[in-house]
Amino acid sequence: MREEIIEILEDIIMERPDDINDCETLIDQGYLDSMDIVALVMDLNNNFNVAITVNDLIPDNFNSVAAIEKLIKRLQ
C-alpha cells in the first residue's frame, strides 16, 4: 500500500521533497496544494476502493505518506 501511495504522490507533486516517504509536512510546506488534494483524493478513492469524504479533508490526513496510509486503512 505504501509504495502505491508514494507512486500516486510522485505523479501528482511537481516539486517534491528529497524523501517523500519520510516527509511529514506535505501540505504544511506547500508540496500539496488544493488542486493536488483533489487529484490525490480521486486517485486514492479509485486505487484503494475507498470513499474519502469532506470530513476526511484535513491536513493531518494528508501531511505524510504514513497519515494517508492510516486514513485508507481506516476507510477500508
PDB file of N, CA and C in Angstrom:
ATOM      1  N   MET A   1       0.827  -1.198   0.000  1.00  0.00           N
ATOM      2  CA  MET A   1       0.000   0.000   0.000  1.00  0.00           C
ATOM      3  C   MET A   1       0.870   1.261   0.000  1.00  0.00           C
ATOM      4  N   ARG A   2       1.886   1.275   0.862  1.00  0.00           N
ATOM      5  CA  ARG A   2       2.744   2.457   0.985  1.00  0.00           C
ATOM      6  C   ARG A   2       3.396   2.808  -0.352  1.00  0.00           C
ATOM      7  N   GLU A   3       3.892   1.799  -1.060  1.00  0.00           N
ATOM      8  CA  GLU A   3       4.555   2.062  -2.341  1.00  0.00           C
ATOM      9  C   GLU A   3       3.579   2.637  -3.363  1.00  0.00           C
ATOM     10  N   GLU A   4       2.364   2.153  -3.355  1.00  0.00           N
ATOM     11  CA  GLU A   4       1.357   2.671  -4.286  1.00  0.00           C
ATOM     12  C   GLU A   4       1.001   4.123  -3.951  1.00  0.00           C
ATOM     13  N   ILE A   5       0.921   4.438  -2.672  1.00  0.00           N
ATOM     14  CA  ILE A   5       0.660   5.823  -2.258  1.00  0.00           C
ATOM     15  C   ILE A   5       1.801   6.723  -2.717  1.00  0.00           C
ATOM     16  N   ILE A   6       3.019   6.275  -2.550  1.00  0.00           N
ATOM     17  CA  ILE A   6       4.186   7.059  -2.973  1.00  0.00           C
ATOM     18  C   ILE A   6       4.154   7.283  -4.480  1.00  0.00           C
ATOM     19  N   GLU A   7       3.823   6.247  -5.247  1.00  0.00           N
ATOM     20  CA  GLU A   7       3.728   6.396  -6.702  1.00  0.00           C
ATOM     21  C   GLU A   7       2.671   7.429  -7.086  1.00  0.00           C
ATOM     22  N   ILE A   8       1.529   7.386  -6.415  1.00  0.00           N
ATOM     23  CA  ILE A   8       0.463   8.363  -6.692  1.00  0.00           C
ATOM     24  C   ILE A   8       0.962   9.770  -6.380  1.00  0.00           C
ATOM     25  N   LEU A   9       1.592   9.944  -5.224  1.00  0.00           N
ATOM     26  CA  LEU A   9       2.108  11.266  -4.848  1.00  0.00           C
ATOM     27  C   LEU A   9       3.156  11.757  -5.834  1.00  0.00           C
ATOM     28  N   GLU A  10       4.035  10.872  -6.260  1.00  0.00           N
ATOM     29  CA  GLU A  10       5.087  11.270  -7.203  1.00  0.00           C
ATOM     30  C   GLU A  10       4.504  11.699  -8.539  1.00  0.00           C
ATOM     31  N   ASP A  11       3.372  11.119  -8.923  1.00  0.00           N
ATOM     32  CA  ASP A  11       2.707  11.532 -10.165  1.00  0.00           C
ATOM     33  C   ASP A  11       2.036  12.893 -10.028  1.00  0.00           C
ATOM     34  N   ILE A  12       1.614  13.233  -8.816  1.00  0.00           N
ATOM     35  CA  ILE A  12       0.859  14.470  -8.592  1.00  0.00           C
ATOM     36  C   ILE A  12       1.760  15.649  -8.250  1.00  0.00           C
ATOM     37  N   ILE A  13       2.725  15.445  -7.385  1.00  0.00           N
ATOM     38  CA  ILE A  13       3.545  16.549  -6.870  1.00  0.00           C
ATOM     39  C   ILE A  13       4.671  16.876  -7.841  1.00  0.00           C
ATOM     40  N   MET A  14       4.703  18.116  -8.300  1.00  0.00           N
ATOM     41  CA  MET A  14       5.748  18.543  -9.227  1.00  0.00           C
ATOM     42  C   MET A  14       7.076  18.786  -8.495  1.00  0.00           C
ATOM     43  N   GLU A  15       7.041  19.599  -7.467  1.00  0.00           N
ATOM     44  CA  GLU A  15       8.237  19.858  -6.665  1.00  0.00           C
ATOM     45  C   GLU A  15       8.064  19.107  -5.360  1.00  0.00           C
ATOM     46  N   ARG A  16       8.790  18.017  -5.222  1.00  0.00           N
ATOM     47  CA  ARG A  16       8.598  17.181  -4.046  1.00  0.00           C
ATOM     48  C   ARG A  16       9.843  17.149  -3.173  1.00  0.00           C
ATOM     49  N   PRO A  17       9.658  16.786  -1.916  1.00  0.00           N
ATOM     50  CA  PRO A  17      10.800  16.701  -1.005  1.00  0.00           C
ATOM     51  C   PRO A  17      11.761  15.602  -1.451  1.00  0.00           C
ATOM     52  N   ASP A  18      12.994  15.677  -0.962  1.00  0.00           N
ATOM     53  CA  ASP A  18      14.001  14.685  -1.336  1.00  0.00           C
ATOM     54  C   ASP A  18      13.550  13.268  -1.012  1.00  0.00           C
ATOM     55  N   ASP A  19      12.974  13.076   0.152  1.00  0.00           N
ATOM     56  CA  ASP A  19      12.488  11.748   0.529  1.00  0.00           C
ATOM     57  C   ASP A  19      11.014  11.851   0.892  1.00  0.00           C
ATOM     58  N   ILE A  20      10.178  11.631  -0.089  1.00  0.00           N
ATOM     59  CA  ILE A  20       8.735  11.784   0.103  1.00  0.00           C
ATOM     60  C   ILE A  20       8.207  10.818   1.160  1.00  0.00           C
ATOM     61  N   ASN A  21       8.852   9.673   1.314  1.00  0.00           N
ATOM     62  CA  ASN A  21       8.410   8.665   2.278  1.00  0.00           C
ATOM     63  C   ASN A  21       8.525   9.164   3.716  1.00  0.00           C
ATOM     64  N   ASP A  22       9.526   9.984   4.004  1.00  0.00           N
ATOM     65  CA  ASP A  22       9.755  10.466   5.369  1.00  0.00           C
ATOM     66  C   ASP A  22       9.187  11.857   5.637  1.00  0.00           C
ATOM     67  N   CYS A  23       8.733  12.547   4.606  1.00  0.00           N
ATOM     68  CA  CYS A  23       8.227  13.916   4.777  1.00  0.00           C
ATOM     69  C   CYS A  23       6.919  13.899   5.568  1.00  0.00           C
ATOM     70  N   GLU A  24       6.849  14.749   6.568  1.00  0.00           N
ATOM     71  CA  GLU A  24       5.637  14.840   7.394  1.00  0.00           C
ATOM     72  C   GLU A  24       4.944  16.192   7.242  1.00  0.00           C
ATOM     73  N   THR A  25       5.331  16.931   6.221  1.00  0.00           N
ATOM     74  CA  THR A  25       4.780  18.277   6.020  1.00  0.00           C
ATOM     75  C   THR A  25       4.398  18.510   4.555  1.00  0.00           C
ATOM     76  N   LEU A  26       3.768  17.540   3.928  1.00  0.00           N
ATOM     77  CA  LEU A  26       3.422  17.665   2.511  1.00  0.00           C
ATOM     78  C   LEU A  26       2.500  18.854   2.246  1.00  0.00           C
ATOM     79  N   ILE A  27       1.564  19.095   3.134  1.00  0.00           N
ATOM     80  CA  ILE A  27       0.662  20.243   2.980  1.00  0.00           C
ATOM     81  C   ILE A  27       1.280  21.483   3.618  1.00  0.00           C
ATOM     82  N   ASP A  28       1.773  21.335   4.832  1.00  0.00           N
ATOM     83  CA  ASP A  28       2.303  22.481   5.580  1.00  0.00           C
ATOM     84  C   ASP A  28       3.403  23.225   4.830  1.00  0.00           C
ATOM     85  N   GLN A  29       4.215  22.504   4.068  1.00  0.00           N
ATOM     86  CA  GLN A  29       5.302  23.151   3.331  1.00  0.00           C
ATOM     87  C   GLN A  29       4.950  23.405   1.867  1.00  0.00           C
ATOM     88  N   GLY A  30       3.696  23.169   1.508  1.00  0.00           N
ATOM     89  CA  GLY A  30       3.229  23.533   0.177  1.00  0.00           C
ATOM     90  C   GLY A  30       3.533  22.537  -0.926  1.00  0.00           C
ATOM     91  N   TYR A  31       3.940  21.325  -0.583  1.00  0.00           N
ATOM     92  CA  TYR A  31       4.166  20.321  -1.628  1.00  0.00           C
ATOM     93  C   TYR A  31       2.848  19.908  -2.259  1.00  0.00           C
ATOM     94  N   LEU A  32       1.777  19.902  -1.468  1.00  0.00           N
ATOM     95  CA  LEU A  32       0.439  19.611  -1.966  1.00  0.00           C
ATOM     96  C   LEU A  32      -0.435  20.847  -1.813  1.00  0.00           C
ATOM     97  N   ASP A  33      -1.031  21.297  -2.922  1.00  0.00           N
ATOM     98  CA  ASP A  33      -1.981  22.405  -2.830  1.00  0.00           C
ATOM     99  C   ASP A  33      -3.403  21.849  -2.994  1.00  0.00           C
ATOM    100  N   SER A  34      -4.375  22.721  -3.006  1.00  0.00           N
ATOM    101  CA  SER A  34      -5.774  22.274  -3.025  1.00  0.00           C
ATOM    102  C   SER A  34      -6.103  21.453  -4.271  1.00  0.00           C
ATOM    103  N   MET A  35      -5.566  21.834  -5.412  1.00  0.00           N
ATOM    104  CA  MET A  35      -5.826  21.076  -6.638  1.00  0.00           C
ATOM    105  C   MET A  35      -5.151  19.705  -6.581  1.00  0.00           C
ATOM    106  N   ASP A  36      -3.978  19.644  -5.980  1.00  0.00           N
ATOM    107  CA  ASP A  36      -3.298  18.367  -5.798  1.00  0.00           C
ATOM    108  C   ASP A  36      -4.107  17.444  -4.896  1.00  0.00           C
ATOM    109  N   ILE A  37      -4.707  18.015  -3.858  1.00  0.00           N
ATOM    110  CA  ILE A  37      -5.513  17.216  -2.926  1.00  0.00           C
ATOM    111  C   ILE A  37      -6.712  16.608  -3.658  1.00  0.00           C
ATOM    112  N   VAL A  38      -7.339  17.387  -4.534  1.00  0.00           N
ATOM    113  CA  VAL A  38      -8.474  16.871  -5.307  1.00  0.00           C
ATOM    114  C   VAL A  38      -8.024  15.684  -6.151  1.00  0.00           C
ATOM    115  N   ALA A  39      -6.907  15.835  -6.852  1.00  0.00           N
ATOM    116  CA  ALA A  39      -6.386  14.741  -7.679  1.00  0.00           C
ATOM    117  C   ALA A  39      -6.001  13.541  -6.819  1.00  0.00           C
ATOM    118  N   LEU A  40      -5.367  13.805  -5.690  1.00  0.00           N
ATOM    119  CA  LEU A  40      -4.944  12.743  -4.787  1.00  0.00           C
ATOM    120  C   LEU A  40      -6.145  11.961  -4.263  1.00  0.00           C
ATOM    121  N   VAL A  41      -7.174  12.663  -3.835  1.00  0.00           N
ATOM    122  CA  VAL A  41      -8.381  12.012  -3.306  1.00  0.00           C
ATOM    123  C   VAL A  41      -9.023  11.134  -4.388  1.00  0.00           C
ATOM    124  N   MET A  42      -9.108  11.640  -5.591  1.00  0.00           N
ATOM    125  CA  MET A  42      -9.688  10.848  -6.685  1.00  0.00           C
ATOM    126  C   MET A  42      -8.873   9.582  -6.932  1.00  0.00           C
ATOM    127  N   ASP A  43      -7.548   9.719  -6.977  1.00  0.00           N
ATOM    128  CA  ASP A  43      -6.689   8.556  -7.210  1.00  0.00           C
ATOM    129  C   ASP A  43      -6.772   7.554  -6.062  1.00  0.00           C
ATOM    130  N   LEU A  44      -6.771   8.054  -4.827  1.00  0.00           N
ATOM    131  CA  LEU A  44      -6.862   7.160  -3.674  1.00  0.00           C
ATOM    132  C   LEU A  44      -8.197   6.434  -3.663  1.00  0.00           C
ATOM    133  N   ASN A  45      -9.278   7.150  -3.931  1.00  0.00           N
ATOM    134  CA  ASN A  45     -10.605   6.531  -3.984  1.00  0.00           C
ATOM    135  C   ASN A  45     -10.636   5.409  -5.020  1.00  0.00           C
ATOM    136  N   ASN A  46     -10.091   5.689  -6.195  1.00  0.00           N
ATOM    137  CA  ASN A  46     -10.112   4.709  -7.279  1.00  0.00           C
ATOM    138  C   ASN A  46      -9.173   3.528  -7.021  1.00  0.00           C
ATOM    139  N   ASN A  47      -7.963   3.809  -6.583  1.00  0.00           N
ATOM    140  CA  ASN A  47      -6.961   2.753  -6.432  1.00  0.00           C
ATOM    141  C   ASN A  47      -7.207   1.854  -5.227  1.00  0.00           C
ATOM    142  N   PHE A  48      -7.798   2.409  -4.162  1.00  0.00           N
ATOM    143  CA  PHE A  48      -7.983   1.632  -2.940  1.00  0.00           C
ATOM    144  C   PHE A  48      -9.446   1.335  -2.632  1.00  0.00           C
ATOM    145  N   ASN A  49     -10.341   1.719  -3.550  1.00  0.00           N
ATOM    146  CA  ASN A  49     -11.770   1.451  -3.396  1.00  0.00           C
ATOM    147  C   ASN A  49     -12.298   1.956  -2.052  1.00  0.00           C
ATOM    148  N   VAL A  50     -11.981   3.216  -1.755  1.00  0.00           N
ATOM    149  CA  VAL A  50     -12.471   3.872  -0.545  1.00  0.00           C
ATOM    150  C   VAL A  50     -13.273   5.100  -0.950  1.00  0.00           C
ATOM    151  N   ALA A  51     -13.929   5.708   0.026  1.00  0.00           N
ATOM    152  CA  ALA A  51     -14.689   6.927  -0.217  1.00  0.00           C
ATOM    153  C   ALA A  51     -14.228   7.982   0.794  1.00  0.00           C
ATOM    154  N   ILE A  52     -13.285   8.810   0.370  1.00  0.00           N
ATOM    155  CA  ILE A  52     -12.803   9.891   1.230  1.00  0.00           C
ATOM    156  C   ILE A  52     -13.839  11.004   1.181  1.00  0.00           C
ATOM    157  N   THR A  53     -14.340  11.403   2.354  1.00  0.00           N
ATOM    158  CA  THR A  53     -15.400  12.405   2.423  1.00  0.00           C
ATOM    159  C   THR A  53     -14.835  13.772   2.793  1.00  0.00           C
ATOM    160  N   VAL A  54     -15.693  14.750   2.746  1.00  0.00           N
ATOM    161  CA  VAL A  54     -15.316  16.119   3.117  1.00  0.00           C
ATOM    162  C   VAL A  54     -14.781  16.148   4.548  1.00  0.00           C
ATOM    163  N   ASN A  55     -15.361  15.356   5.418  1.00  0.00           N
ATOM    164  CA  ASN A  55     -14.907  15.318   6.813  1.00  0.00           C
ATOM    165  C   ASN A  55     -13.480  14.799   6.955  1.00  0.00           C
ATOM    166  N   ASP A  56     -13.018  14.039   5.961  1.00  0.00           N
ATOM    167  CA  ASP A  56     -11.659  13.498   5.983  1.00  0.00           C
ATOM    168  C   ASP A  56     -10.630  14.489   5.446  1.00  0.00           C
ATOM    169  N   LEU A  57     -11.089  15.565   4.840  1.00  0.00           N
ATOM    170  CA  LEU A  57     -10.183  16.512   4.178  1.00  0.00           C
ATOM    171  C   LEU A  57      -9.573  17.505   5.163  1.00  0.00           C
ATOM    172  N   ILE A  58      -8.738  16.975   6.025  1.00  0.00           N
ATOM    173  CA  ILE A  58      -7.998  17.813   6.975  1.00  0.00           C
ATOM    174  C   ILE A  58      -6.506  17.566   6.763  1.00  0.00           C
ATOM    175  N   PRO A  59      -5.684  18.580   6.963  1.00  0.00           N
ATOM    176  CA  PRO A  59      -4.242  18.426   6.708  1.00  0.00           C
ATOM    177  C   PRO A  59      -3.604  17.237   7.407  1.00  0.00           C
ATOM    178  N   ASP A  60      -4.041  16.924   8.620  1.00  0.00           N
ATOM    179  CA  ASP A  60      -3.448  15.803   9.348  1.00  0.00           C
ATOM    180  C   ASP A  60      -3.560  14.480   8.597  1.00  0.00           C
ATOM    181  N   ASN A  61      -4.568  14.343   7.754  1.00  0.00           N
ATOM    182  CA  ASN A  61      -4.752  13.101   6.996  1.00  0.00           C
ATOM    183  C   ASN A  61      -3.897  13.023   5.740  1.00  0.00           C
ATOM    184  N   PHE A  62      -3.278  14.151   5.350  1.00  0.00           N
ATOM    185  CA  PHE A  62      -2.554  14.183   4.076  1.00  0.00           C
ATOM    186  C   PHE A  62      -1.142  14.752   4.185  1.00  0.00           C
ATOM    187  N   ASN A  63      -0.666  15.006   5.380  1.00  0.00           N
ATOM    188  CA  ASN A  63       0.651  15.626   5.559  1.00  0.00           C
ATOM    189  C   ASN A  63       1.807  14.654   5.361  1.00  0.00           C
ATOM    190  N   SER A  64       1.525  13.357   5.350  1.00  0.00           N
ATOM    191  CA  SER A  64       2.600  12.379   5.178  1.00  0.00           C
ATOM    192  C   SER A  64       2.057  11.108   4.537  1.00  0.00           C
ATOM    193  N   VAL A  65       2.974  10.304   4.023  1.00  0.00           N
ATOM    194  CA  VAL A  65       2.591   9.010   3.464  1.00  0.00           C
ATOM    195  C   VAL A  65       1.959   8.156   4.560  1.00  0.00           C
ATOM    196  N   ALA A  66       2.535   8.188   5.743  1.00  0.00           N
ATOM    197  CA  ALA A  66       2.004   7.404   6.862  1.00  0.00           C
ATOM    198  C   ALA A  66       0.575   7.832   7.211  1.00  0.00           C
ATOM    199  N   ALA A  67       0.306   9.133   7.198  1.00  0.00           N
ATOM    200  CA  ALA A  67      -1.040   9.630   7.509  1.00  0.00           C
ATOM    201  C   ALA A  67      -2.042   9.203   6.441  1.00  0.00           C
ATOM    202  N   ILE A  68      -1.626   9.247   5.182  1.00  0.00           N
ATOM    203  CA  ILE A  68      -2.504   8.822   4.088  1.00  0.00           C
ATOM    204  C   ILE A  68      -2.784   7.327   4.205  1.00  0.00           C
ATOM    205  N   GLU A  69      -1.752   6.562   4.508  1.00  0.00           N
ATOM    206  CA  GLU A  69      -1.912   5.116   4.679  1.00  0.00           C
ATOM    207  C   GLU A  69      -2.877   4.813   5.831  1.00  0.00           C
ATOM    208  N   LYS A  70      -2.743   5.530   6.920  1.00  0.00           N
ATOM    209  CA  LYS A  70      -3.630   5.340   8.078  1.00  0.00           C
ATOM    210  C   LYS A  70      -5.080   5.661   7.705  1.00  0.00           C
ATOM    211  N   LEU A  71      -5.276   6.749   6.956  1.00  0.00           N
ATOM    212  CA  LEU A  71      -6.614   7.140   6.508  1.00  0.00           C
ATOM    213  C   LEU A  71      -7.232   6.037   5.651  1.00  0.00           C
ATOM    214  N   ILE A  72      -6.479   5.518   4.710  1.00  0.00           N
ATOM    215  CA  ILE A  72      -7.001   4.488   3.820  1.00  0.00           C
ATOM    216  C   ILE A  72      -7.349   3.220   4.594  1.00  0.00           C
ATOM    217  N   LYS A  73      -6.483   2.828   5.501  1.00  0.00           N
ATOM    218  CA  LYS A  73      -6.773   1.628   6.298  1.00  0.00           C
ATOM    219  C   LYS A  73      -8.031   1.805   7.118  1.00  0.00           C
ATOM    220  N   ARG A  74      -8.239   3.010   7.627  1.00  0.00           N
ATOM    221  CA  ARG A  74      -9.441   3.289   8.415  1.00  0.00           C
ATOM    222  C   ARG A  74     -10.705   3.206   7.554  1.00  0.00           C
ATOM    223  N   LEU A  75     -10.585   3.608   6.300  1.00  0.00           N
ATOM    224  CA  LEU A  75     -11.753   3.651   5.412  1.00  0.00           C
ATOM    225  C   LEU A  75     -12.047   2.325   4.713  1.00  0.00           C
ATOM    226  N   GLN A  76     -11.104   1.414   4.742  1.00  0.00           N
ATOM    227  CA  GLN A  76     -11.324   0.131   4.061  1.00  0.00           C
ATOM    228  C   GLN A  76     -12.183  -0.811   4.877  1.00  0.00           C
TER     229      GLN A  76
END
